[in-house]
Amino acid sequence: MTFNVLLLIRYAVFAAFALAVLVALGSWLVRTRRLSPFGPVGRALRQLTDPLMLPVERRVVRAGGNPVQAGWWLVIGTAILGILVISIAQWLFASWYSITGAAHAGGRSMLVLAIGVVYDILFFAILVRVLASWLGRGRYTRWLRPFYWLTDWLVEPIRRILPTAGPFDFSPLVALLVLWLLRQLVFQVLR
């Protein structure tokens, strides 16, 4: 059942990607005058491609890009969105199987699963925090506040103790190590 649903999602993503490629190609043919935009084929292609290309083109122009590249942005955006959809679907099904398996195995398995989920969330939050600092985004950025809120209790005490190494901050790395050791310790106690 699950395999069929994932296969259906993959086929839908591939179809959306193929459609994006065809729309970008049709728009490119008309815009570069490979086909006359005023002939019957060119008009038909413009009627088919403009509803999808014009919103992408507006966004590209607003961002300061070249409107001729809107087709590439449509194809790349569709590919990235498709990969995200497939990854999220696989994650959801894997999570569902983990939860149902742990529920059938008993309370200790549910506790181990909950600890694993908390560890994964904190690991991801620290990773986002580090990547955002590399990109020059700070703790006061609206979308980063939750990640700092989740990890400050662990990273900030380590930052106060650990000496700085020039421009490098190793406190998130040490926090990940401490988090991993805590998880291993709890798993040993539960087994």
N, C-alpha and C. Protein backbone atom coordinates (compact mmCIF):
# COMPACT_ATOMS: atom_id res chain seq x y z
N MET A 1 0.82 -1.19 0.00
CA MET A 1 0.00 0.00 0.00
C MET A 1 0.86 1.26 0.00
N THR A 2 1.81 1.33 0.96
CA THR A 2 2.67 2.51 1.08
C THR A 2 3.54 2.66 -0.15
N PHE A 3 4.07 1.53 -0.63
CA PHE A 3 4.92 1.59 -1.82
C PHE A 3 4.15 2.14 -3.00
N ASN A 4 2.89 1.75 -3.15
CA ASN A 4 2.07 2.24 -4.26
C ASN A 4 1.82 3.75 -4.15
N VAL A 5 1.57 4.22 -2.94
CA VAL A 5 1.34 5.66 -2.75
C VAL A 5 2.62 6.45 -3.07
N LEU A 6 3.77 5.96 -2.58
CA LEU A 6 5.03 6.64 -2.88
C LEU A 6 5.34 6.62 -4.37
N LEU A 7 5.04 5.50 -5.01
CA LEU A 7 5.24 5.41 -6.45
C LEU A 7 4.34 6.39 -7.20
N LEU A 8 3.10 6.52 -6.75
CA LEU A 8 2.17 7.47 -7.36
C LEU A 8 2.67 8.91 -7.18
N ILE A 9 3.19 9.21 -5.99
CA ILE A 9 3.74 10.56 -5.74
C ILE A 9 4.93 10.82 -6.65
N ARG A 10 5.79 9.84 -6.80
CA ARG A 10 6.96 10.00 -7.69
C ARG A 10 6.53 10.23 -9.14
N TYR A 11 5.54 9.48 -9.60
CA TYR A 11 5.06 9.68 -10.96
C TYR A 11 4.44 11.07 -11.13
N ALA A 12 3.71 11.52 -10.12
CA ALA A 12 3.10 12.86 -10.19
C ALA A 12 4.18 13.94 -10.22
N VAL A 13 5.22 13.77 -9.42
CA VAL A 13 6.32 14.75 -9.41
C VAL A 13 7.03 14.73 -10.75
N PHE A 14 7.27 13.54 -11.31
CA PHE A 14 7.92 13.47 -12.61
C PHE A 14 7.05 14.11 -13.70
N ALA A 15 5.74 13.91 -13.63
CA ALA A 15 4.84 14.52 -14.61
C ALA A 15 4.86 16.04 -14.48
N ALA A 16 4.88 16.55 -13.26
CA ALA A 16 4.95 18.00 -13.06
C ALA A 16 6.27 18.55 -13.59
N PHE A 17 7.36 17.83 -13.38
CA PHE A 17 8.66 18.27 -13.89
C PHE A 17 8.67 18.26 -15.42
N ALA A 18 8.13 17.20 -16.02
CA ALA A 18 8.07 17.13 -17.49
C ALA A 18 7.20 18.25 -18.05
N LEU A 19 6.09 18.55 -17.39
CA LEU A 19 5.24 19.65 -17.82
C LEU A 19 5.98 20.98 -17.72
N ALA A 20 6.73 21.18 -16.65
CA ALA A 20 7.51 22.41 -16.50
C ALA A 20 8.55 22.54 -17.61
N VAL A 21 9.19 21.44 -17.96
CA VAL A 21 10.18 21.48 -19.05
C VAL A 21 9.50 21.83 -20.37
N LEU A 22 8.34 21.23 -20.63
CA LEU A 22 7.63 21.52 -21.88
C LEU A 22 7.14 22.97 -21.92
N VAL A 23 6.65 23.48 -20.80
CA VAL A 23 6.20 24.88 -20.75
C VAL A 23 7.38 25.82 -20.97
N ALA A 24 8.51 25.54 -20.31
CA ALA A 24 9.70 26.38 -20.48
C ALA A 24 10.20 26.33 -21.92
N LEU A 25 10.17 25.15 -22.52
CA LEU A 25 10.61 25.02 -23.91
C LEU A 25 9.69 25.77 -24.85
N GLY A 26 8.38 25.63 -24.67
CA GLY A 26 7.42 26.35 -25.51
C GLY A 26 7.56 27.85 -25.37
N SER A 27 7.73 28.32 -24.16
CA SER A 27 7.92 29.75 -23.94
C SER A 27 9.22 30.24 -24.57
N TRP A 28 10.27 29.45 -24.45
CA TRP A 28 11.55 29.82 -25.04
C TRP A 28 11.45 29.89 -26.57
N LEU A 29 10.75 28.92 -27.16
CA LEU A 29 10.61 28.92 -28.62
C LEU A 29 9.92 30.19 -29.11
N VAL A 30 8.92 30.65 -28.39
CA VAL A 30 8.18 31.85 -28.81
C VAL A 30 8.99 33.10 -28.51
N ARG A 31 9.62 33.16 -27.36
CA ARG A 31 10.35 34.37 -26.95
C ARG A 31 11.61 34.60 -27.77
N THR A 32 12.25 33.54 -28.21
CA THR A 32 13.47 33.70 -29.01
C THR A 32 13.17 33.74 -30.51
N ARG A 33 11.90 33.77 -30.84
CA ARG A 33 11.44 33.87 -32.24
C ARG A 33 11.84 32.65 -33.08
N ARG A 34 12.03 31.52 -32.44
CA ARG A 34 12.22 30.28 -33.20
C ARG A 34 10.89 29.92 -33.88
N LEU A 35 9.80 30.31 -33.19
CA LEU A 35 8.46 30.23 -33.76
C LEU A 35 7.88 31.64 -33.74
N SER A 36 7.19 31.99 -34.77
CA SER A 36 6.60 33.32 -34.83
C SER A 36 5.54 33.47 -33.74
N PRO A 37 5.67 34.50 -32.88
CA PRO A 37 4.68 34.67 -31.82
C PRO A 37 3.30 35.06 -32.34
N PHE A 38 3.22 35.44 -33.62
CA PHE A 38 1.95 35.88 -34.18
C PHE A 38 1.31 34.85 -35.09
N GLY A 39 2.02 33.74 -35.32
CA GLY A 39 1.46 32.66 -36.12
C GLY A 39 0.51 31.82 -35.26
N PRO A 40 -0.22 30.90 -35.88
CA PRO A 40 -1.18 30.10 -35.12
C PRO A 40 -0.51 29.22 -34.06
N VAL A 41 0.65 28.63 -34.38
CA VAL A 41 1.34 27.77 -33.41
C VAL A 41 1.90 28.62 -32.28
N GLY A 42 2.48 29.78 -32.62
CA GLY A 42 3.03 30.67 -31.60
C GLY A 42 1.98 31.21 -30.66
N ARG A 43 0.82 31.59 -31.22
CA ARG A 43 -0.27 32.08 -30.37
C ARG A 43 -0.78 30.98 -29.45
N ALA A 44 -0.89 29.77 -29.99
CA ALA A 44 -1.35 28.65 -29.16
C ALA A 44 -0.35 28.35 -28.04
N LEU A 45 0.93 28.38 -28.37
CA LEU A 45 1.95 28.16 -27.34
C LEU A 45 1.92 29.25 -26.28
N ARG A 46 1.73 30.49 -26.71
CA ARG A 46 1.66 31.59 -25.74
C ARG A 46 0.45 31.44 -24.84
N GLN A 47 -0.69 31.02 -25.41
CA GLN A 47 -1.87 30.82 -24.58
C GLN A 47 -1.67 29.69 -23.57
N LEU A 48 -0.92 28.66 -23.97
CA LEU A 48 -0.68 27.53 -23.08
C LEU A 48 0.38 27.83 -22.02
N THR A 49 1.43 28.55 -22.39
CA THR A 49 2.55 28.74 -21.48
C THR A 49 2.46 30.00 -20.62
N ASP A 50 1.79 31.03 -21.09
CA ASP A 50 1.76 32.29 -20.34
C ASP A 50 1.14 32.17 -18.95
N PRO A 51 0.06 31.40 -18.75
CA PRO A 51 -0.47 31.32 -17.37
C PRO A 51 0.54 30.78 -16.36
N LEU A 52 1.45 29.92 -16.78
CA LEU A 52 2.46 29.41 -15.86
C LEU A 52 3.73 30.26 -15.85
N MET A 53 4.06 30.86 -16.98
CA MET A 53 5.32 31.59 -17.07
C MET A 53 5.24 33.01 -16.55
N LEU A 54 4.11 33.68 -16.72
CA LEU A 54 4.03 35.09 -16.31
C LEU A 54 4.22 35.30 -14.81
N PRO A 55 3.64 34.47 -13.93
CA PRO A 55 3.92 34.67 -12.49
C PRO A 55 5.40 34.44 -12.14
N VAL A 56 6.01 33.44 -12.77
CA VAL A 56 7.43 33.18 -12.52
C VAL A 56 8.26 34.35 -13.05
N GLU A 57 7.89 34.83 -14.21
CA GLU A 57 8.61 35.95 -14.82
C GLU A 57 8.52 37.21 -13.94
N ARG A 58 7.34 37.47 -13.39
CA ARG A 58 7.19 38.64 -12.50
C ARG A 58 8.08 38.52 -11.27
N ARG A 59 8.15 37.33 -10.70
CA ARG A 59 9.02 37.13 -9.53
C ARG A 59 10.48 37.30 -9.88
N VAL A 60 10.87 36.79 -11.04
CA VAL A 60 12.27 36.92 -11.47
C VAL A 60 12.62 38.39 -11.67
N VAL A 61 11.73 39.14 -12.31
CA VAL A 61 11.98 40.56 -12.56
C VAL A 61 12.03 41.32 -11.23
N ARG A 62 11.11 41.02 -10.30
CA ARG A 62 11.11 41.69 -8.99
C ARG A 62 12.40 41.42 -8.23
N ALA A 63 12.98 40.24 -8.43
CA ALA A 63 14.23 39.89 -7.75
C ALA A 63 15.44 40.46 -8.46
N GLY A 64 15.22 41.13 -9.60
CA GLY A 64 16.32 41.74 -10.32
C GLY A 64 16.93 40.85 -11.38
N GLY A 65 16.24 39.79 -11.75
CA GLY A 65 16.77 38.86 -12.75
C GLY A 65 16.30 39.19 -14.15
N ASN A 66 16.76 38.40 -15.08
CA ASN A 66 16.42 38.56 -16.49
C ASN A 66 15.16 37.74 -16.77
N PRO A 67 14.12 38.35 -17.34
CA PRO A 67 12.87 37.59 -17.58
C PRO A 67 13.04 36.45 -18.57
N VAL A 68 14.07 36.47 -19.38
CA VAL A 68 14.30 35.38 -20.32
C VAL A 68 14.64 34.09 -19.57
N GLN A 69 15.17 34.21 -18.36
CA GLN A 69 15.57 33.04 -17.57
C GLN A 69 14.42 32.47 -16.75
N ALA A 70 13.23 32.97 -16.91
CA ALA A 70 12.09 32.50 -16.12
C ALA A 70 11.82 31.01 -16.36
N GLY A 71 12.05 30.54 -17.56
CA GLY A 71 11.85 29.12 -17.85
C GLY A 71 12.77 28.24 -17.02
N TRP A 72 14.03 28.66 -16.91
CA TRP A 72 14.98 27.90 -16.09
C TRP A 72 14.53 27.88 -14.64
N TRP A 73 14.06 29.04 -14.15
CA TRP A 73 13.60 29.11 -12.77
C TRP A 73 12.39 28.21 -12.54
N LEU A 74 11.51 28.14 -13.53
CA LEU A 74 10.35 27.26 -13.41
C LEU A 74 10.78 25.81 -13.30
N VAL A 75 11.71 25.39 -14.16
CA VAL A 75 12.17 24.00 -14.17
C VAL A 75 12.91 23.68 -12.87
N ILE A 76 13.82 24.55 -12.46
CA ILE A 76 14.60 24.30 -11.25
C ILE A 76 13.69 24.32 -10.01
N GLY A 77 12.78 25.29 -9.96
CA GLY A 77 11.84 25.34 -8.83
C GLY A 77 10.95 24.12 -8.75
N THR A 78 10.50 23.63 -9.90
CA THR A 78 9.67 22.42 -9.91
C THR A 78 10.47 21.21 -9.45
N ALA A 79 11.72 21.12 -9.88
CA ALA A 79 12.57 20.00 -9.46
C ALA A 79 12.81 20.03 -7.96
N ILE A 80 13.13 21.20 -7.41
CA ILE A 80 13.38 21.30 -5.97
C ILE A 80 12.11 21.00 -5.19
N LEU A 81 10.99 21.55 -5.62
CA LEU A 81 9.72 21.29 -4.95
C LEU A 81 9.36 19.80 -5.02
N GLY A 82 9.61 19.18 -6.17
CA GLY A 82 9.35 17.75 -6.31
C GLY A 82 10.19 16.90 -5.38
N ILE A 83 11.47 17.25 -5.25
CA ILE A 83 12.34 16.52 -4.33
C ILE A 83 11.86 16.68 -2.90
N LEU A 84 11.44 17.89 -2.55
CA LEU A 84 10.91 18.12 -1.20
C LEU A 84 9.64 17.32 -0.95
N VAL A 85 8.74 17.29 -1.93
CA VAL A 85 7.49 16.54 -1.76
C VAL A 85 7.78 15.05 -1.57
N ILE A 86 8.66 14.50 -2.38
CA ILE A 86 9.00 13.08 -2.25
C ILE A 86 9.66 12.80 -0.91
N SER A 87 10.59 13.67 -0.50
CA SER A 87 11.28 13.47 0.77
C SER A 87 10.33 13.55 1.95
N ILE A 88 9.44 14.52 1.93
CA ILE A 88 8.47 14.65 3.03
C ILE A 88 7.53 13.45 3.07
N ALA A 89 7.10 12.98 1.90
CA ALA A 89 6.21 11.81 1.88
C ALA A 89 6.93 10.58 2.43
N GLN A 90 8.17 10.37 2.06
CA GLN A 90 8.93 9.23 2.57
C GLN A 90 9.12 9.36 4.09
N TRP A 91 9.42 10.58 4.54
CA TRP A 91 9.61 10.80 5.97
C TRP A 91 8.31 10.53 6.74
N LEU A 92 7.19 10.98 6.19
CA LEU A 92 5.91 10.77 6.86
C LEU A 92 5.58 9.28 6.98
N PHE A 93 5.80 8.54 5.91
CA PHE A 93 5.52 7.10 5.96
C PHE A 93 6.47 6.39 6.91
N ALA A 94 7.75 6.76 6.89
CA ALA A 94 8.71 6.14 7.82
C ALA A 94 8.35 6.46 9.26
N SER A 95 7.94 7.71 9.51
CA SER A 95 7.54 8.09 10.87
C SER A 95 6.30 7.31 11.31
N TRP A 96 5.37 7.17 10.40
CA TRP A 96 4.15 6.43 10.73
C TRP A 96 4.48 4.98 11.11
N TYR A 97 5.35 4.34 10.34
CA TYR A 97 5.72 2.96 10.64
C TYR A 97 6.49 2.88 11.95
N SER A 98 7.34 3.86 12.23
CA SER A 98 8.08 3.86 13.50
C SER A 98 7.13 4.01 14.68
N ILE A 99 6.17 4.92 14.56
CA ILE A 99 5.23 5.16 15.66
C ILE A 99 4.35 3.94 15.89
N THR A 100 3.82 3.36 14.81
CA THR A 100 2.96 2.19 15.00
C THR A 100 3.75 0.99 15.52
N GLY A 101 4.99 0.83 15.06
CA GLY A 101 5.83 -0.27 15.56
C GLY A 101 6.16 -0.09 17.02
N ALA A 102 6.49 1.14 17.43
CA ALA A 102 6.80 1.40 18.83
C ALA A 102 5.55 1.25 19.70
N ALA A 103 4.40 1.64 19.19
CA ALA A 103 3.16 1.51 19.96
C ALA A 103 2.82 0.05 20.22
N HIS A 104 3.08 -0.80 19.23
CA HIS A 104 2.81 -2.23 19.42
C HIS A 104 3.86 -2.88 20.31
N ALA A 105 5.06 -2.32 20.38
CA ALA A 105 6.13 -2.93 21.17
C ALA A 105 6.04 -2.58 22.65
N GLY A 106 5.37 -1.48 22.98
CA GLY A 106 5.21 -1.16 24.40
C GLY A 106 5.69 0.23 24.76
N GLY A 107 5.57 0.53 26.06
CA GLY A 107 5.89 1.86 26.56
C GLY A 107 7.36 2.22 26.45
N ARG A 108 8.24 1.26 26.71
CA ARG A 108 9.68 1.54 26.63
C ARG A 108 10.07 1.92 25.20
N SER A 109 9.49 1.25 24.24
CA SER A 109 9.79 1.58 22.84
C SER A 109 9.27 2.95 22.46
N MET A 110 8.11 3.32 23.00
CA MET A 110 7.59 4.68 22.75
C MET A 110 8.51 5.73 23.36
N LEU A 111 9.06 5.44 24.55
CA LEU A 111 9.99 6.37 25.18
C LEU A 111 11.28 6.50 24.37
N VAL A 112 11.79 5.40 23.89
CA VAL A 112 12.99 5.43 23.04
C VAL A 112 12.71 6.22 21.77
N LEU A 113 11.55 6.03 21.18
CA LEU A 113 11.18 6.77 19.98
C LEU A 113 11.06 8.26 20.27
N ALA A 114 10.44 8.61 21.40
CA ALA A 114 10.30 10.03 21.77
C ALA A 114 11.66 10.68 21.98
N ILE A 115 12.57 9.97 22.63
CA ILE A 115 13.92 10.51 22.84
C ILE A 115 14.62 10.69 21.50
N GLY A 116 14.45 9.75 20.60
CA GLY A 116 15.04 9.87 19.26
C GLY A 116 14.49 11.06 18.50
N VAL A 117 13.19 11.31 18.61
CA VAL A 117 12.57 12.44 17.93
C VAL A 117 13.07 13.76 18.51
N VAL A 118 13.15 13.84 19.84
CA VAL A 118 13.66 15.06 20.47
C VAL A 118 15.11 15.31 20.06
N TYR A 119 15.91 14.26 20.02
CA TYR A 119 17.30 14.39 19.58
C TYR A 119 17.36 14.90 18.14
N ASP A 120 16.55 14.33 17.26
CA ASP A 120 16.56 14.76 15.86
C ASP A 120 16.15 16.22 15.71
N ILE A 121 15.15 16.64 16.47
CA ILE A 121 14.70 18.04 16.40
C ILE A 121 15.80 18.98 16.88
N LEU A 122 16.43 18.63 18.01
CA LEU A 122 17.51 19.49 18.52
C LEU A 122 18.72 19.50 17.59
N PHE A 123 19.06 18.36 17.01
CA PHE A 123 20.16 18.29 16.05
C PHE A 123 19.89 19.20 14.86
N PHE A 124 18.67 19.12 14.33
CA PHE A 124 18.28 19.95 13.19
C PHE A 124 18.31 21.43 13.56
N ALA A 125 17.83 21.77 14.77
CA ALA A 125 17.81 23.17 15.20
C ALA A 125 19.23 23.72 15.33
N ILE A 126 20.15 22.93 15.87
CA ILE A 126 21.54 23.38 15.98
C ILE A 126 22.15 23.53 14.59
N LEU A 127 21.85 22.61 13.70
CA LEU A 127 22.36 22.69 12.33
C LEU A 127 21.86 23.95 11.63
N VAL A 128 20.57 24.25 11.77
CA VAL A 128 20.01 25.47 11.17
C VAL A 128 20.66 26.70 11.78
N ARG A 129 20.87 26.68 13.07
CA ARG A 129 21.51 27.80 13.77
C ARG A 129 22.91 28.05 13.23
N VAL A 130 23.68 26.99 13.02
CA VAL A 130 25.04 27.14 12.50
C VAL A 130 25.02 27.65 11.06
N LEU A 131 24.18 27.05 10.23
CA LEU A 131 24.11 27.49 8.83
C LEU A 131 23.65 28.94 8.72
N ALA A 132 22.71 29.34 9.55
CA ALA A 132 22.23 30.72 9.53
C ALA A 132 23.34 31.69 9.95
N SER A 133 24.17 31.28 10.91
CA SER A 133 25.26 32.16 11.32
C SER A 133 26.29 32.31 10.21
N TRP A 134 26.49 31.27 9.43
CA TRP A 134 27.41 31.37 8.28
C TRP A 134 26.86 32.32 7.23
N LEU A 135 25.54 32.40 7.11
CA LEU A 135 24.92 33.28 6.12
C LEU A 135 24.68 34.68 6.66
N GLY A 136 25.12 34.94 7.89
CA GLY A 136 25.00 36.28 8.45
C GLY A 136 23.65 36.58 9.06
N ARG A 137 22.88 35.57 9.33
CA ARG A 137 21.58 35.76 9.97
C ARG A 137 21.73 35.55 11.46
N GLY A 138 21.14 36.40 12.25
CA GLY A 138 21.29 36.32 13.69
C GLY A 138 20.05 35.80 14.38
N ARG A 139 20.15 35.80 15.70
CA ARG A 139 19.08 35.27 16.52
C ARG A 139 17.82 36.11 16.48
N TYR A 140 17.92 37.35 16.02
CA TYR A 140 16.75 38.22 16.03
C TYR A 140 15.97 38.19 14.72
N THR A 141 16.41 37.38 13.79
CA THR A 141 15.63 37.16 12.58
C THR A 141 14.38 36.37 12.97
N ARG A 142 13.26 36.80 12.47
CA ARG A 142 11.98 36.23 12.89
C ARG A 142 11.90 34.72 12.72
N TRP A 143 12.36 34.21 11.60
CA TRP A 143 12.22 32.77 11.36
C TRP A 143 13.29 31.95 12.07
N LEU A 144 14.31 32.60 12.64
CA LEU A 144 15.35 31.86 13.37
C LEU A 144 15.10 31.81 14.88
N ARG A 145 14.24 32.65 15.39
CA ARG A 145 14.00 32.69 16.84
C ARG A 145 13.64 31.33 17.43
N PRO A 146 12.77 30.53 16.79
CA PRO A 146 12.46 29.22 17.38
C PRO A 146 13.67 28.29 17.49
N PHE A 147 14.58 28.37 16.53
CA PHE A 147 15.75 27.51 16.56
C PHE A 147 16.68 27.91 17.71
N TYR A 148 16.83 29.20 17.93
CA TYR A 148 17.63 29.67 19.07
C TYR A 148 16.94 29.34 20.38
N TRP A 149 15.62 29.49 20.44
CA TRP A 149 14.88 29.18 21.64
C TRP A 149 15.03 27.70 22.02
N LEU A 150 15.03 26.82 21.00
CA LEU A 150 15.18 25.39 21.26
C LEU A 150 16.58 25.00 21.73
N THR A 151 17.60 25.75 21.33
CA THR A 151 18.97 25.30 21.57
C THR A 151 19.77 26.17 22.54
N ASP A 152 19.26 27.31 22.94
CA ASP A 152 20.03 28.18 23.83
C ASP A 152 20.36 27.52 25.16
N TRP A 153 19.47 26.72 25.69
CA TRP A 153 19.70 26.07 26.97
C TRP A 153 20.93 25.16 26.95
N LEU A 154 21.32 24.70 25.76
CA LEU A 154 22.47 23.81 25.64
C LEU A 154 23.71 24.52 25.10
N VAL A 155 23.53 25.40 24.13
CA VAL A 155 24.68 26.02 23.47
C VAL A 155 25.28 27.17 24.30
N GLU A 156 24.44 27.98 24.92
CA GLU A 156 24.94 29.16 25.62
C GLU A 156 25.82 28.83 26.83
N PRO A 157 25.48 27.87 27.69
CA PRO A 157 26.42 27.54 28.78
C PRO A 157 27.76 27.02 28.26
N ILE A 158 27.73 26.27 27.18
CA ILE A 158 28.98 25.77 26.60
C ILE A 158 29.77 26.93 26.01
N ARG A 159 29.10 27.89 25.42
CA ARG A 159 29.78 29.06 24.84
C ARG A 159 30.48 29.88 25.93
N ARG A 160 29.86 29.96 27.12
CA ARG A 160 30.47 30.72 28.22
C ARG A 160 31.72 30.02 28.76
N ILE A 161 31.73 28.70 28.72
CA ILE A 161 32.86 27.93 29.26
C ILE A 161 33.97 27.78 28.22
N LEU A 162 33.61 27.49 26.99
CA LEU A 162 34.58 27.18 25.92
C LEU A 162 35.26 28.46 25.44
N PRO A 163 36.60 28.47 25.39
CA PRO A 163 37.27 29.67 24.87
C PRO A 163 37.06 29.79 23.35
N THR A 164 37.01 31.02 22.87
CA THR A 164 36.82 31.23 21.44
C THR A 164 38.11 30.94 20.70
N ALA A 165 37.97 30.51 19.48
CA ALA A 165 39.12 30.19 18.62
C ALA A 165 39.11 31.15 17.44
N GLY A 166 39.31 32.42 17.71
CA GLY A 166 39.26 33.42 16.64
C GLY A 166 37.83 33.59 16.16
N PRO A 167 37.64 33.52 14.85
CA PRO A 167 36.28 33.70 14.34
C PRO A 167 35.42 32.44 14.43
N PHE A 168 36.00 31.35 14.91
CA PHE A 168 35.28 30.09 14.94
C PHE A 168 34.62 29.87 16.30
N ASP A 169 33.38 29.42 16.26
CA ASP A 169 32.63 29.12 17.46
C ASP A 169 32.37 27.61 17.47
N PHE A 170 33.04 26.92 18.38
CA PHE A 170 32.91 25.47 18.44
C PHE A 170 31.83 25.02 19.42
N SER A 171 31.12 25.96 20.05
CA SER A 171 30.11 25.57 21.04
C SER A 171 28.96 24.75 20.43
N PRO A 172 28.48 25.04 19.21
CA PRO A 172 27.45 24.15 18.66
C PRO A 172 27.95 22.73 18.42
N LEU A 173 29.22 22.60 18.02
CA LEU A 173 29.79 21.26 17.81
C LEU A 173 29.88 20.50 19.13
N VAL A 174 30.32 21.19 20.17
CA VAL A 174 30.39 20.55 21.49
C VAL A 174 28.98 20.24 21.98
N ALA A 175 28.03 21.12 21.71
CA ALA A 175 26.64 20.87 22.11
C ALA A 175 26.10 19.62 21.42
N LEU A 176 26.43 19.44 20.15
CA LEU A 176 26.00 18.22 19.45
C LEU A 176 26.63 16.98 20.08
N LEU A 177 27.88 17.09 20.45
CA LEU A 177 28.55 15.96 21.11
C LEU A 177 27.90 15.65 22.46
N VAL A 178 27.62 16.67 23.25
CA VAL A 178 26.95 16.48 24.54
C VAL A 178 25.57 15.87 24.34
N LEU A 179 24.85 16.36 23.35
CA LEU A 179 23.52 15.84 23.06
C LEU A 179 23.58 14.37 22.67
N TRP A 180 24.54 14.01 21.85
CA TRP A 180 24.71 12.62 21.44
C TRP A 180 25.06 11.74 22.64
N LEU A 181 25.96 12.23 23.51
CA LEU A 181 26.34 11.45 24.69
C LEU A 181 25.14 11.26 25.63
N LEU A 182 24.33 12.31 25.80
CA LEU A 182 23.14 12.19 26.63
C LEU A 182 22.17 11.15 26.05
N ARG A 183 22.00 11.18 24.74
CA ARG A 183 21.11 10.19 24.11
C ARG A 183 21.63 8.78 24.32
N GLN A 184 22.93 8.58 24.13
CA GLN A 184 23.50 7.25 24.31
C GLN A 184 23.36 6.78 25.75
N LEU A 185 23.55 7.70 26.70
CA LEU A 185 23.41 7.35 28.11
C LEU A 185 21.97 6.94 28.44
N VAL A 186 21.01 7.71 27.95
CA VAL A 186 19.61 7.38 28.22
C VAL A 186 19.24 6.05 27.56
N PHE A 187 19.73 5.81 26.35
CA PHE A 187 19.43 4.54 25.68
C PHE A 187 20.03 3.36 26.45
N GLN A 188 21.22 3.55 27.03
CA GLN A 188 21.83 2.46 27.80
C GLN A 188 21.02 2.17 29.06
N VAL A 189 20.51 3.22 29.69
CA VAL A 189 19.71 3.05 30.89
C VAL A 189 18.39 2.34 30.55
N LEU A 190 17.79 2.69 29.42
CA LEU A 190 16.51 2.10 29.05
C LEU A 190 16.63 0.65 28.58
N ARG A 191 17.78 0.26 28.13
CA ARG A 191 17.95 -1.13 27.65
C ARG A 191 18.27 -1.99 28.81
